[in-house]
Structures are given as structure tokens and as C-alpha cells.
N, C-alpha and C. Protein backbone atom coordinates (compact mmCIF):
# COMPACT_ATOMS: atom_id res chain seq x y z
N MET A 1 0.84 -1.17 0.00
CA MET A 1 0.00 0.00 0.00
C MET A 1 0.89 1.24 0.00
N ASN A 2 0.54 2.20 -0.81
CA ASN A 2 1.19 3.50 -0.84
C ASN A 2 0.10 4.56 -0.89
N PHE A 3 0.25 5.62 -0.11
CA PHE A 3 -0.72 6.70 -0.20
C PHE A 3 -0.07 8.02 0.17
N ARG A 4 -0.58 9.09 -0.45
CA ARG A 4 -0.06 10.43 -0.21
C ARG A 4 -0.92 11.11 0.85
N ARG A 5 -0.23 11.72 1.78
CA ARG A 5 -0.88 12.46 2.84
C ARG A 5 -1.23 13.87 2.38
N GLU A 6 -2.18 14.50 3.05
CA GLU A 6 -2.53 15.88 2.71
C GLU A 6 -1.36 16.83 2.97
N CYS A 7 -0.42 16.42 3.84
CA CYS A 7 0.76 17.24 4.11
C CYS A 7 1.82 17.08 3.01
N GLY A 8 1.57 16.16 2.06
CA GLY A 8 2.50 15.93 0.96
C GLY A 8 3.37 14.70 1.11
N GLN A 9 3.48 14.18 2.31
CA GLN A 9 4.29 12.99 2.58
C GLN A 9 3.66 11.76 1.94
N ILE A 10 4.48 10.91 1.34
CA ILE A 10 3.99 9.65 0.79
C ILE A 10 4.37 8.54 1.78
N ILE A 11 3.39 7.76 2.15
CA ILE A 11 3.63 6.62 3.05
C ILE A 11 3.71 5.37 2.19
N HIS A 12 4.85 4.69 2.28
CA HIS A 12 5.10 3.47 1.52
C HIS A 12 5.03 2.27 2.45
N ASP A 13 4.34 1.25 2.02
CA ASP A 13 4.30 -0.02 2.75
C ASP A 13 4.73 -1.11 1.78
N THR A 14 6.03 -1.17 1.53
CA THR A 14 6.54 -2.10 0.53
C THR A 14 7.56 -3.08 1.10
N THR A 15 7.76 -3.07 2.41
CA THR A 15 8.73 -3.97 3.01
C THR A 15 8.32 -4.25 4.45
N ASP A 16 9.14 -4.99 5.16
CA ASP A 16 8.88 -5.30 6.56
C ASP A 16 9.71 -4.40 7.47
N TYR A 17 9.42 -4.45 8.74
CA TYR A 17 10.18 -3.73 9.78
C TYR A 17 10.09 -2.22 9.64
N LEU A 18 8.96 -1.69 9.26
CA LEU A 18 8.80 -0.24 9.10
C LEU A 18 8.57 0.41 10.46
N SER A 19 9.27 1.50 10.72
CA SER A 19 9.15 2.18 12.02
C SER A 19 7.89 3.02 12.11
N TYR A 20 7.19 3.23 11.00
CA TYR A 20 5.97 4.04 10.99
C TYR A 20 4.72 3.18 10.75
N LYS A 21 4.87 1.88 10.89
CA LYS A 21 3.75 0.96 10.69
C LYS A 21 3.61 0.10 11.94
N GLY A 22 2.38 -0.16 12.32
CA GLY A 22 2.14 -1.01 13.48
C GLY A 22 0.80 -1.73 13.33
N TYR A 23 0.39 -2.36 14.41
CA TYR A 23 -0.85 -3.13 14.39
C TYR A 23 -1.62 -2.88 15.67
N LEU A 24 -2.93 -2.82 15.55
CA LEU A 24 -3.82 -2.65 16.70
C LEU A 24 -4.63 -3.92 16.89
N ILE A 25 -4.89 -4.23 18.14
CA ILE A 25 -5.80 -5.32 18.45
C ILE A 25 -6.72 -4.83 19.55
N SER A 26 -7.99 -5.15 19.42
CA SER A 26 -8.94 -4.71 20.45
C SER A 26 -8.76 -5.57 21.69
N ASP A 27 -9.14 -5.02 22.81
CA ASP A 27 -9.08 -5.75 24.07
C ASP A 27 -9.94 -7.01 23.98
N GLN A 28 -11.06 -6.92 23.28
CA GLN A 28 -11.94 -8.07 23.12
C GLN A 28 -11.24 -9.21 22.39
N ASP A 29 -10.46 -8.87 21.37
CA ASP A 29 -9.79 -9.89 20.57
C ASP A 29 -8.49 -10.40 21.20
N GLN A 30 -7.87 -9.58 22.02
CA GLN A 30 -6.58 -9.96 22.60
C GLN A 30 -6.67 -11.26 23.38
N PHE A 31 -7.73 -11.43 24.14
CA PHE A 31 -7.83 -12.63 24.97
C PHE A 31 -8.11 -13.88 24.15
N ASP A 32 -8.84 -13.73 23.03
CA ASP A 32 -9.00 -14.87 22.12
C ASP A 32 -7.64 -15.29 21.55
N LEU A 33 -6.83 -14.30 21.20
CA LEU A 33 -5.50 -14.59 20.68
C LEU A 33 -4.63 -15.27 21.74
N LEU A 34 -4.66 -14.75 22.96
CA LEU A 34 -3.86 -15.36 24.03
C LEU A 34 -4.31 -16.80 24.31
N ASP A 35 -5.62 -17.04 24.27
CA ASP A 35 -6.12 -18.41 24.46
C ASP A 35 -5.63 -19.33 23.34
N GLU A 36 -5.63 -18.83 22.12
CA GLU A 36 -5.16 -19.63 20.98
C GLU A 36 -3.66 -19.93 21.10
N ILE A 37 -2.89 -18.97 21.57
CA ILE A 37 -1.46 -19.20 21.78
C ILE A 37 -1.25 -20.26 22.86
N ASP A 38 -2.00 -20.14 23.95
CA ASP A 38 -1.92 -21.15 25.02
C ASP A 38 -2.23 -22.54 24.48
N ASP A 39 -3.31 -22.64 23.69
CA ASP A 39 -3.68 -23.94 23.11
C ASP A 39 -2.59 -24.48 22.20
N ALA A 40 -1.99 -23.60 21.41
CA ALA A 40 -0.94 -24.04 20.50
C ALA A 40 0.26 -24.60 21.27
N ILE A 41 0.58 -23.97 22.37
CA ILE A 41 1.72 -24.42 23.18
C ILE A 41 1.38 -25.71 23.93
N GLU A 42 0.22 -25.72 24.54
CA GLU A 42 -0.13 -26.82 25.44
C GLU A 42 -0.72 -28.04 24.73
N LYS A 43 -1.44 -27.82 23.62
CA LYS A 43 -2.22 -28.91 23.05
C LYS A 43 -1.77 -29.37 21.67
N SER A 44 -0.76 -28.72 21.10
CA SER A 44 -0.35 -29.19 19.78
C SER A 44 0.35 -30.53 19.94
N GLY A 45 0.23 -31.35 18.94
CA GLY A 45 0.81 -32.69 19.01
C GLY A 45 2.32 -32.66 18.99
N PRO A 46 2.93 -33.83 19.13
CA PRO A 46 4.39 -33.90 19.24
C PRO A 46 5.13 -33.77 17.91
N SER A 47 4.44 -33.99 16.80
CA SER A 47 5.15 -33.98 15.52
C SER A 47 5.40 -32.55 15.03
N SER A 48 6.35 -32.41 14.13
CA SER A 48 6.64 -31.09 13.57
C SER A 48 5.45 -30.59 12.74
N THR A 49 4.69 -31.50 12.14
CA THR A 49 3.49 -31.11 11.39
C THR A 49 2.44 -30.53 12.33
N ASP A 50 2.26 -31.14 13.50
CA ASP A 50 1.31 -30.63 14.50
C ASP A 50 1.71 -29.22 14.95
N LYS A 51 2.99 -29.04 15.20
CA LYS A 51 3.48 -27.74 15.65
C LYS A 51 3.32 -26.68 14.56
N GLU A 52 3.60 -27.07 13.32
CA GLU A 52 3.43 -26.15 12.18
C GLU A 52 1.97 -25.75 12.02
N GLU A 53 1.05 -26.69 12.15
CA GLU A 53 -0.38 -26.37 12.05
C GLU A 53 -0.80 -25.41 13.16
N ALA A 54 -0.31 -25.62 14.36
CA ALA A 54 -0.64 -24.73 15.48
C ALA A 54 -0.09 -23.33 15.23
N ALA A 55 1.13 -23.25 14.74
CA ALA A 55 1.73 -21.94 14.44
C ALA A 55 0.95 -21.23 13.34
N MET A 56 0.52 -21.95 12.33
CA MET A 56 -0.23 -21.34 11.23
C MET A 56 -1.61 -20.87 11.69
N ARG A 57 -2.22 -21.59 12.63
CA ARG A 57 -3.51 -21.15 13.21
C ARG A 57 -3.33 -19.80 13.90
N ILE A 58 -2.24 -19.67 14.64
CA ILE A 58 -1.98 -18.41 15.34
C ILE A 58 -1.73 -17.29 14.34
N ARG A 59 -0.91 -17.55 13.33
CA ARG A 59 -0.63 -16.52 12.32
C ARG A 59 -1.90 -16.09 11.59
N SER A 60 -2.75 -17.04 11.28
CA SER A 60 -4.01 -16.73 10.61
C SER A 60 -4.89 -15.86 11.50
N LEU A 61 -4.95 -16.20 12.77
CA LEU A 61 -5.76 -15.43 13.70
C LEU A 61 -5.21 -14.01 13.86
N ILE A 62 -3.90 -13.89 13.92
CA ILE A 62 -3.27 -12.56 14.02
C ILE A 62 -3.65 -11.73 12.79
N GLY A 63 -3.58 -12.33 11.61
CA GLY A 63 -3.94 -11.61 10.39
C GLY A 63 -5.39 -11.16 10.39
N THR A 64 -6.25 -11.91 11.06
CA THR A 64 -7.67 -11.57 11.12
C THR A 64 -7.95 -10.51 12.18
N LEU A 65 -7.30 -10.61 13.33
CA LEU A 65 -7.65 -9.76 14.47
C LEU A 65 -6.95 -8.40 14.48
N PHE A 66 -5.79 -8.30 13.86
CA PHE A 66 -5.02 -7.06 13.92
C PHE A 66 -5.42 -6.11 12.80
N LYS A 67 -5.44 -4.83 13.11
CA LYS A 67 -5.66 -3.78 12.12
C LYS A 67 -4.32 -3.08 11.87
N THR A 68 -4.01 -2.80 10.62
CA THR A 68 -2.76 -2.12 10.28
C THR A 68 -2.90 -0.63 10.54
N VAL A 69 -1.85 -0.05 11.13
CA VAL A 69 -1.83 1.37 11.46
C VAL A 69 -0.55 1.99 10.89
N TYR A 70 -0.67 3.20 10.36
CA TYR A 70 0.48 3.94 9.85
C TYR A 70 0.52 5.30 10.55
N GLN A 71 1.73 5.82 10.76
CA GLN A 71 1.87 7.17 11.28
C GLN A 71 2.75 7.96 10.33
N CYS A 72 2.26 9.10 9.91
CA CYS A 72 3.02 9.97 9.01
C CYS A 72 4.19 10.57 9.78
N SER A 73 5.40 10.41 9.23
CA SER A 73 6.59 10.94 9.91
C SER A 73 6.69 12.45 9.76
N ASN A 74 5.89 13.03 8.89
CA ASN A 74 5.91 14.48 8.69
C ASN A 74 4.93 15.19 9.63
N CYS A 75 3.65 14.82 9.57
CA CYS A 75 2.64 15.52 10.37
C CYS A 75 2.25 14.76 11.64
N GLY A 76 2.57 13.47 11.72
CA GLY A 76 2.28 12.69 12.92
C GLY A 76 0.89 12.09 12.96
N ASN A 77 0.06 12.32 11.93
CA ASN A 77 -1.29 11.76 11.92
C ASN A 77 -1.25 10.24 11.79
N PHE A 78 -2.29 9.61 12.34
CA PHE A 78 -2.43 8.16 12.29
C PHE A 78 -3.46 7.77 11.24
N PHE A 79 -3.22 6.62 10.60
CA PHE A 79 -4.14 6.08 9.61
C PHE A 79 -4.35 4.62 9.95
N ILE A 80 -5.60 4.25 10.13
CA ILE A 80 -5.94 2.87 10.48
C ILE A 80 -6.63 2.23 9.30
N ASP A 81 -6.08 1.11 8.85
CA ASP A 81 -6.70 0.32 7.79
C ASP A 81 -7.64 -0.66 8.48
N ASN A 82 -8.91 -0.35 8.41
CA ASN A 82 -9.92 -1.14 9.11
C ASN A 82 -10.58 -2.13 8.16
N ASN A 83 -9.82 -2.56 7.14
CA ASN A 83 -10.32 -3.49 6.12
C ASN A 83 -11.53 -2.93 5.38
N HIS A 84 -11.56 -1.64 5.24
CA HIS A 84 -12.59 -0.96 4.46
C HIS A 84 -11.91 -0.32 3.26
N PRO A 85 -12.68 0.21 2.33
CA PRO A 85 -12.04 0.78 1.15
C PRO A 85 -11.22 2.04 1.42
N ARG A 86 -11.36 2.63 2.59
CA ARG A 86 -10.56 3.83 2.87
C ARG A 86 -9.95 3.73 4.26
N LEU A 87 -8.94 4.55 4.48
CA LEU A 87 -8.27 4.59 5.77
C LEU A 87 -8.98 5.56 6.70
N GLU A 88 -8.97 5.24 7.98
CA GLU A 88 -9.49 6.16 9.00
C GLU A 88 -8.31 6.98 9.50
N MET A 89 -8.47 8.32 9.57
CA MET A 89 -7.38 9.19 9.99
C MET A 89 -7.66 9.79 11.36
N PHE A 90 -6.60 9.91 12.17
CA PHE A 90 -6.69 10.54 13.48
C PHE A 90 -5.55 11.54 13.60
N ARG A 91 -5.87 12.73 14.02
CA ARG A 91 -4.86 13.78 14.18
C ARG A 91 -4.34 13.80 15.61
N GLY A 92 -3.04 14.02 15.74
CA GLY A 92 -2.43 14.13 17.05
C GLY A 92 -2.54 15.54 17.59
N VAL A 93 -2.18 15.71 18.83
CA VAL A 93 -2.17 17.01 19.49
C VAL A 93 -0.75 17.53 19.46
N ASN A 94 -0.58 18.82 19.21
CA ASN A 94 0.77 19.40 19.16
C ASN A 94 1.36 19.50 20.55
N PRO A 95 2.63 19.22 20.73
CA PRO A 95 3.51 18.63 19.72
C PRO A 95 3.25 17.13 19.59
N VAL A 96 3.36 16.63 18.38
CA VAL A 96 3.06 15.23 18.08
C VAL A 96 4.32 14.39 18.19
N ASN A 97 4.23 13.29 18.91
CA ASN A 97 5.32 12.31 18.93
C ASN A 97 5.22 11.52 17.64
N ARG A 98 6.20 11.65 16.76
CA ARG A 98 6.15 11.02 15.44
C ARG A 98 6.74 9.61 15.45
N ASN A 99 7.04 9.09 16.61
CA ASN A 99 7.66 7.76 16.71
C ASN A 99 6.82 6.80 17.55
N LEU A 100 5.53 6.99 17.57
CA LEU A 100 4.68 6.15 18.42
C LEU A 100 4.64 4.69 17.99
N LEU A 101 4.92 4.41 16.73
CA LEU A 101 4.87 3.03 16.25
C LEU A 101 6.25 2.37 16.22
N MET A 102 7.25 3.09 16.63
CA MET A 102 8.60 2.54 16.69
C MET A 102 8.64 1.41 17.73
N SER A 103 9.52 0.48 17.55
CA SER A 103 9.66 -0.65 18.47
C SER A 103 9.77 -0.17 19.92
N ALA A 104 9.19 -0.94 20.81
CA ALA A 104 9.30 -0.65 22.25
C ALA A 104 10.76 -0.72 22.71
N LEU A 105 11.60 -1.39 21.94
CA LEU A 105 13.02 -1.48 22.28
C LEU A 105 13.79 -0.21 21.91
N GLY A 106 13.15 0.69 21.16
CA GLY A 106 13.79 1.96 20.79
C GLY A 106 15.09 1.74 20.04
N ASP A 107 16.16 2.41 20.48
CA ASP A 107 17.48 2.30 19.84
C ASP A 107 18.05 0.88 19.88
N LYS A 108 17.56 0.07 20.78
CA LYS A 108 18.10 -1.29 20.94
C LYS A 108 17.49 -2.29 19.95
N TRP A 109 16.45 -1.86 19.20
CA TRP A 109 15.85 -2.74 18.19
C TRP A 109 16.84 -2.96 17.07
N LYS A 110 17.02 -4.21 16.70
CA LYS A 110 17.97 -4.55 15.64
C LYS A 110 17.26 -4.51 14.29
N GLY A 111 17.71 -3.62 13.44
CA GLY A 111 17.13 -3.45 12.12
C GLY A 111 18.04 -4.02 11.04
N PHE A 112 18.06 -3.36 9.90
CA PHE A 112 18.88 -3.84 8.79
C PHE A 112 19.30 -2.67 7.92
N ILE A 113 20.33 -2.92 7.13
CA ILE A 113 20.70 -1.96 6.10
C ILE A 113 20.73 -2.70 4.77
N PHE A 114 20.37 -1.96 3.74
CA PHE A 114 20.30 -2.53 2.40
C PHE A 114 20.79 -1.49 1.42
N ALA A 115 21.72 -1.88 0.57
CA ALA A 115 22.22 -0.99 -0.46
C ALA A 115 22.20 -1.73 -1.79
N GLU A 116 21.83 -1.00 -2.83
CA GLU A 116 21.76 -1.62 -4.15
C GLU A 116 22.20 -0.63 -5.21
N TRP A 117 22.98 -1.13 -6.16
CA TRP A 117 23.46 -0.34 -7.29
C TRP A 117 22.99 -0.99 -8.59
N LYS A 118 22.55 -0.17 -9.53
CA LYS A 118 22.20 -0.64 -10.87
C LYS A 118 22.86 0.30 -11.87
N ASP A 119 23.62 -0.29 -12.81
CA ASP A 119 24.27 0.53 -13.83
C ASP A 119 23.23 1.31 -14.65
N LYS A 120 22.11 0.66 -14.94
CA LYS A 120 21.01 1.32 -15.65
C LYS A 120 19.95 1.68 -14.61
N ILE A 121 19.62 2.96 -14.52
CA ILE A 121 18.66 3.43 -13.51
C ILE A 121 17.27 2.87 -13.83
N PRO A 122 16.67 2.15 -12.88
CA PRO A 122 15.31 1.64 -13.09
C PRO A 122 14.31 2.80 -13.19
N ASP A 123 13.18 2.54 -13.84
CA ASP A 123 12.15 3.56 -14.02
C ASP A 123 11.65 4.13 -12.69
N TRP A 124 11.64 3.32 -11.65
CA TRP A 124 11.08 3.74 -10.38
C TRP A 124 12.09 4.45 -9.48
N GLN A 125 13.34 4.58 -9.92
CA GLN A 125 14.36 5.24 -9.12
C GLN A 125 14.86 6.50 -9.82
N THR A 126 15.45 7.38 -9.04
CA THR A 126 16.01 8.61 -9.60
C THR A 126 17.53 8.61 -9.57
N SER A 127 18.12 7.51 -9.08
CA SER A 127 19.58 7.41 -9.03
C SER A 127 19.99 5.96 -9.24
N ASN A 128 21.26 5.76 -9.53
CA ASN A 128 21.77 4.40 -9.74
C ASN A 128 21.82 3.59 -8.45
N GLY A 129 22.08 4.27 -7.35
CA GLY A 129 22.26 3.56 -6.10
C GLY A 129 21.38 4.08 -4.99
N ILE A 130 21.00 3.17 -4.09
CA ILE A 130 20.21 3.53 -2.91
C ILE A 130 20.82 2.85 -1.69
N LEU A 131 20.66 3.49 -0.55
CA LEU A 131 21.12 2.95 0.72
C LEU A 131 20.04 3.21 1.75
N TYR A 132 19.50 2.14 2.31
CA TYR A 132 18.46 2.24 3.33
C TYR A 132 19.04 1.84 4.68
N ASN A 133 18.86 2.70 5.65
CA ASN A 133 19.21 2.41 7.04
C ASN A 133 17.90 2.20 7.78
N GLU A 134 17.49 0.97 7.92
CA GLU A 134 16.23 0.65 8.59
C GLU A 134 16.52 0.19 10.01
N THR A 135 17.09 1.09 10.78
CA THR A 135 17.35 0.84 12.19
C THR A 135 16.80 2.02 12.98
N ASN A 136 16.75 1.88 14.27
CA ASN A 136 16.35 2.99 15.14
C ASN A 136 17.56 3.64 15.79
N ALA A 137 18.74 3.29 15.32
CA ALA A 137 19.97 3.81 15.92
C ALA A 137 20.02 5.33 15.77
N SER A 138 20.28 5.98 16.87
CA SER A 138 20.41 7.44 16.85
C SER A 138 21.86 7.81 17.14
N SER A 139 22.14 9.04 17.01
CA SER A 139 23.48 9.60 17.26
C SER A 139 24.58 8.82 16.54
N LEU A 140 24.37 8.62 15.24
CA LEU A 140 25.41 7.98 14.43
C LEU A 140 26.55 8.97 14.22
N THR A 141 27.77 8.47 14.27
CA THR A 141 28.92 9.34 14.03
C THR A 141 29.31 9.35 12.55
N VAL A 142 28.90 8.31 11.82
CA VAL A 142 29.26 8.20 10.41
C VAL A 142 28.52 9.27 9.60
N ARG A 143 29.23 9.88 8.67
CA ARG A 143 28.64 10.85 7.74
C ARG A 143 28.56 10.20 6.38
N LEU A 144 27.35 10.15 5.83
CA LEU A 144 27.15 9.51 4.54
C LEU A 144 27.17 10.56 3.44
N ASP A 145 28.03 10.34 2.45
CA ASP A 145 28.19 11.32 1.38
C ASP A 145 27.01 11.36 0.43
N GLY A 146 26.34 10.23 0.24
CA GLY A 146 25.28 10.17 -0.76
C GLY A 146 23.89 10.49 -0.26
N ASN A 147 23.69 10.60 1.04
CA ASN A 147 22.39 10.91 1.62
C ASN A 147 21.29 9.96 1.14
N GLY A 148 21.63 8.68 0.95
CA GLY A 148 20.64 7.67 0.58
C GLY A 148 20.52 7.40 -0.90
N LYS A 149 20.92 8.36 -1.76
CA LYS A 149 20.84 8.19 -3.21
C LYS A 149 22.22 8.46 -3.80
N TYR A 150 22.61 7.62 -4.77
CA TYR A 150 24.00 7.65 -5.23
C TYR A 150 24.10 7.63 -6.75
N SER A 151 25.04 8.41 -7.26
CA SER A 151 25.34 8.40 -8.69
C SER A 151 26.73 7.82 -8.96
N ALA A 152 27.45 7.44 -7.90
CA ALA A 152 28.77 6.82 -8.04
C ALA A 152 28.84 5.56 -7.18
N TRP A 153 29.18 4.43 -7.80
CA TRP A 153 29.26 3.16 -7.09
C TRP A 153 30.24 3.24 -5.91
N GLU A 154 31.38 3.85 -6.12
CA GLU A 154 32.41 3.91 -5.08
C GLU A 154 31.89 4.62 -3.83
N THR A 155 31.11 5.67 -4.01
CA THR A 155 30.56 6.41 -2.86
C THR A 155 29.54 5.55 -2.12
N LEU A 156 28.68 4.87 -2.88
CA LEU A 156 27.70 3.98 -2.25
C LEU A 156 28.39 2.87 -1.47
N GLU A 157 29.36 2.23 -2.08
CA GLU A 157 30.08 1.14 -1.42
C GLU A 157 30.77 1.64 -0.14
N GLN A 158 31.41 2.78 -0.23
CA GLN A 158 32.11 3.35 0.92
C GLN A 158 31.13 3.69 2.05
N ASP A 159 30.02 4.33 1.71
CA ASP A 159 29.03 4.69 2.72
C ASP A 159 28.40 3.44 3.35
N TYR A 160 28.14 2.43 2.52
CA TYR A 160 27.57 1.18 3.04
C TYR A 160 28.47 0.58 4.11
N TYR A 161 29.75 0.45 3.81
CA TYR A 161 30.66 -0.18 4.77
C TYR A 161 30.86 0.68 6.01
N LYS A 162 30.88 2.01 5.86
CA LYS A 162 30.98 2.88 7.04
C LYS A 162 29.76 2.68 7.94
N LEU A 163 28.58 2.69 7.33
CA LEU A 163 27.35 2.51 8.10
C LEU A 163 27.27 1.11 8.70
N PHE A 164 27.60 0.10 7.91
CA PHE A 164 27.58 -1.28 8.39
C PHE A 164 28.48 -1.44 9.62
N ASN A 165 29.70 -0.96 9.53
CA ASN A 165 30.64 -1.13 10.65
C ASN A 165 30.16 -0.42 11.91
N GLU A 166 29.64 0.78 11.76
CA GLU A 166 29.17 1.49 12.95
C GLU A 166 27.96 0.79 13.57
N LEU A 167 26.99 0.40 12.74
CA LEU A 167 25.79 -0.25 13.27
C LEU A 167 26.10 -1.63 13.84
N LYS A 168 27.02 -2.35 13.22
CA LYS A 168 27.41 -3.66 13.75
C LYS A 168 28.09 -3.49 15.11
N ASN A 169 28.96 -2.50 15.22
CA ASN A 169 29.63 -2.24 16.50
C ASN A 169 28.65 -1.80 17.58
N LYS A 170 27.56 -1.16 17.19
CA LYS A 170 26.52 -0.75 18.15
C LYS A 170 25.53 -1.87 18.43
N ASN A 171 25.71 -3.02 17.75
CA ASN A 171 24.80 -4.15 17.89
C ASN A 171 23.37 -3.74 17.53
N ALA A 172 23.25 -2.98 16.42
CA ALA A 172 21.96 -2.40 16.04
C ALA A 172 21.38 -3.01 14.77
N ILE A 173 22.03 -4.03 14.19
CA ILE A 173 21.49 -4.63 12.97
C ILE A 173 21.37 -6.14 13.11
N ARG A 174 20.39 -6.67 12.40
CA ARG A 174 20.18 -8.13 12.34
C ARG A 174 20.68 -8.69 11.02
N TYR A 175 20.64 -7.87 9.96
CA TYR A 175 21.24 -8.29 8.69
C TYR A 175 21.55 -7.09 7.82
N SER A 176 22.39 -7.34 6.83
CA SER A 176 22.85 -6.29 5.95
C SER A 176 23.17 -6.88 4.58
N HIS A 177 22.81 -6.15 3.51
CA HIS A 177 23.07 -6.61 2.14
C HIS A 177 23.55 -5.45 1.29
N LEU A 178 24.54 -5.74 0.45
CA LEU A 178 25.01 -4.81 -0.57
C LEU A 178 24.98 -5.56 -1.89
N LYS A 179 24.24 -5.00 -2.87
CA LYS A 179 24.13 -5.62 -4.19
C LYS A 179 24.59 -4.66 -5.27
N LYS A 180 25.18 -5.23 -6.31
CA LYS A 180 25.55 -4.46 -7.49
C LYS A 180 25.06 -5.23 -8.71
N ASN A 181 24.15 -4.62 -9.45
CA ASN A 181 23.56 -5.26 -10.63
C ASN A 181 23.07 -6.67 -10.33
N ASN A 182 22.32 -6.80 -9.24
CA ASN A 182 21.70 -8.05 -8.78
C ASN A 182 22.68 -9.10 -8.28
N THR A 183 23.95 -8.75 -8.14
CA THR A 183 24.94 -9.66 -7.57
C THR A 183 25.22 -9.22 -6.13
N VAL A 184 25.15 -10.16 -5.21
CA VAL A 184 25.42 -9.85 -3.81
C VAL A 184 26.93 -9.64 -3.64
N ILE A 185 27.29 -8.44 -3.20
CA ILE A 185 28.69 -8.09 -2.95
C ILE A 185 29.04 -8.38 -1.50
N HIS A 186 28.10 -8.10 -0.61
CA HIS A 186 28.31 -8.32 0.82
C HIS A 186 26.98 -8.70 1.45
N SER A 187 27.02 -9.67 2.33
CA SER A 187 25.84 -10.08 3.07
C SER A 187 26.27 -10.50 4.47
N TRP A 188 25.53 -10.05 5.45
CA TRP A 188 25.86 -10.38 6.83
C TRP A 188 24.56 -10.58 7.60
N SER A 189 24.53 -11.57 8.49
CA SER A 189 23.37 -11.81 9.36
C SER A 189 23.84 -12.07 10.77
N LEU A 190 23.06 -11.58 11.71
CA LEU A 190 23.31 -11.83 13.11
C LEU A 190 23.07 -13.31 13.39
N LYS A 191 23.98 -13.93 14.08
CA LYS A 191 23.79 -15.34 14.43
C LYS A 191 22.72 -15.46 15.49
N LYS A 192 21.83 -16.43 15.30
CA LYS A 192 20.73 -16.62 16.26
C LYS A 192 21.16 -17.46 17.42
């Protein structure tokens, strides 16, 4: 889902782990969900198939009971997707906390970084390279030359490794990828 706000901000929902996206569950539904989780833990059979079926029941119920919520990072307004053809909007009171949907772990939430270079600029991009820092890490010391969009591979690669090293040292990432023309140049994942 993508939609433009009246303030001009475009909200994109094209990936996971978004800091401006969350989910609501009503108090009435929460206890049904907790009961289903209890049943899955206590009553699922011993086989891996039984456990998989129990997990899928919970995931299905979560998909049914939760409503998707977005918060505009520009104006702070909330938008609730109530499974209707339009979003319900709620305005905050000034000053608005624009990080209400951020992880409860705050800066300690482990996110990811992703960088990609294409020699031929795709129709949907305005530059050859992009670098996404999808973490909640604040007070970074690294200065990125490309500001997220790159016209030189060397600058993108350099900024990626600077950001990767700082975030890894802060224990702020779970995975990281650098691609050039669909070839993985660097990939790293936190060991579980």
C-alpha cells in the first residue's frame, strides 16, 4: 500500500520492519488470541506437522484480528486500515510524537541496512544507487556522502561499509546486504 498524505508525505508499505507501521488489536480480541497461543503451546501434538499447524492457526488469527496502522513521519497523523475501502485518519495534538509506532526497544531494536546499485537506472528510481538504514539507531557518528541516493558506485560502497561497521559495532542490525547489478557483494546476518 502507498498513499499520499494531505501534508505531501507519501507513506510506503513495501517492506517489513517499518518504524511508521504497526498493528492494533482490540481488548476483546486480545484474549481470544492469548487463548489460541496457550492452546498451540499446550495442546499441539508432538510432531513437527502438528506444531506447524498450530503456528499457522496463530498466524491466521493474528492476520484476522489485527488492524494495520500507519503514522506519518511528517505531520504525525495516524491512519488505520480497518479493512474498508478507505483509511481512517486521526490527528495528534501538538507537539506530536512522530515515533509512536517505533519498536518498544527503541534504539536497541535490531534493524537492517540494504544498499543496491544498478548501472542502468530503473524507471522507479532517480539514481543508480540507494542505501536504506532501517534501524532505530540514533546519534550515528558516520557521515554519509550520498544521503541515501547515489550516482557513483564507489561512494555507495564506501558509505555502506561505514554505516555497516558502525551499526554492527553498536549491535543495532540483524542483517545487511550490498548488491551491485543483482549480484550480492556483501551479506551479513546476526547469528541466532
